[in-house]
Each structure stands twice: as structure tokens, then as C-alpha cells.
């Protein structure tokens, strides 16, 4: 599944790892009527030294017709985010903001043949089911007629990635005191995503006396 090879720069490699772990995003392209988007699960693979995002649409999705091997698509993979109040900082006169992580993957989309639908479904399920603490479910357990009907109703597409952009705002430019103050607020939050951001902020600047655990 992973595309982690030496030919990718470290920053790109981290962005691809992030996207691969998330496995879900928003794919966007534009036609004559303007932008179109779909929320999609995906698998990230390497083929011939290139990062490939493989996804599927329902056959009637208008994005299928846009996957012509020429038009560019953008996949937005969002991570955790959190609103930061201005009175969370240790120093005065800071502005309220949002912290977040995201990756943008862009390139040209290619439509695959119907004979690849089953392989894509198996790969997608394998990745998703591996995240759960249970025996994996797979397509083999599905009624054959329903399985074939379902697979026939989708189209598989490959996004051949040629641009990788990682975006993260984790208070990188704030003072140590402000960094710790915000991380402590997030680390005490009841929201799991906030606590994950706090741990990432802690990893960026370890050993600063954080109060959360």
C-alpha cells in the first residue's frame, strides 16, 4: 500500500505517509459548469516509481467522465483541526486561530477497466479492515450475486500524483511559552483529535515541561 521509497524527498514522503494513514479525502475537478467534488476512500500505491492514488466512483458520478487522462484533479486529505482561543496563549495580544494538518495531492486521473474493480475493492477493504480490532471482513464473504452487482456499479480511477503539498499549522512560529500553553489546553480536551494535535506539538518541541500526559 505505502509508496515510501527513497526517490521521494523526506517532506513528500511524510505527506504521503499522512495521506496513506488517513485513507479518506475530497477529490475535486472542474468542468464547464465549475468545480465538482466527491468524498472518497482511497488506497495509495507505488507503480513504476510514481505515487498512485486509486479510488472509485459510482458509475453515474460526473467525475468519471472527467477522468480523461488530461484533466487535473486535486485530492484534499484533511487531518485533525482545532480552534485556538486568543486567551489560551501565555503572552497577550495573540489572535484566535485554527491549527490543522492536511495534504494536497494533485495530478491527472486515468479511468481503469471493469476487470480491475474486484482488485481495487479487495485492496480498499484490506487497508480499512486492518484498522479495526477484529477479524477482517472481505468481499469473499458477500453473496456472489450482490457482490458482482455492487462491483459492476463502480468505476475505478487512478490519480497519478505529480504534486505533493503538505500543510500544517501547529504554532511553529510561536514562542516556547505560547506553544506549551496551547498544547496543554489541547492535551486536556475531551476531543481525541485535539489530544492528537497536542502530542504532535509536544513532539515538535520536546522537553518543555508540558502539563498534559
Foldseek 3Di string as FASTA:
>chain_A
DALQDPVDDPVLNVLSVVCQLQQWWKKWFADPVGIDIDIWGWHWDDDPSFIKTKTKDFPPPPVLVVLPQPTKMKTKRWAFKDWAPQVLFPDHDDHTDMWTKIKIWMAHKHWDDLVCLQVRQQVRQVSVQVVDPDDGDGPVPDDVVVSVVVSVRMIMMMGGTDDMDIDTDQPPPDDLRRSLSCLLVLCPDPDPSSVVSSVVSCVVPPDSDHPHD
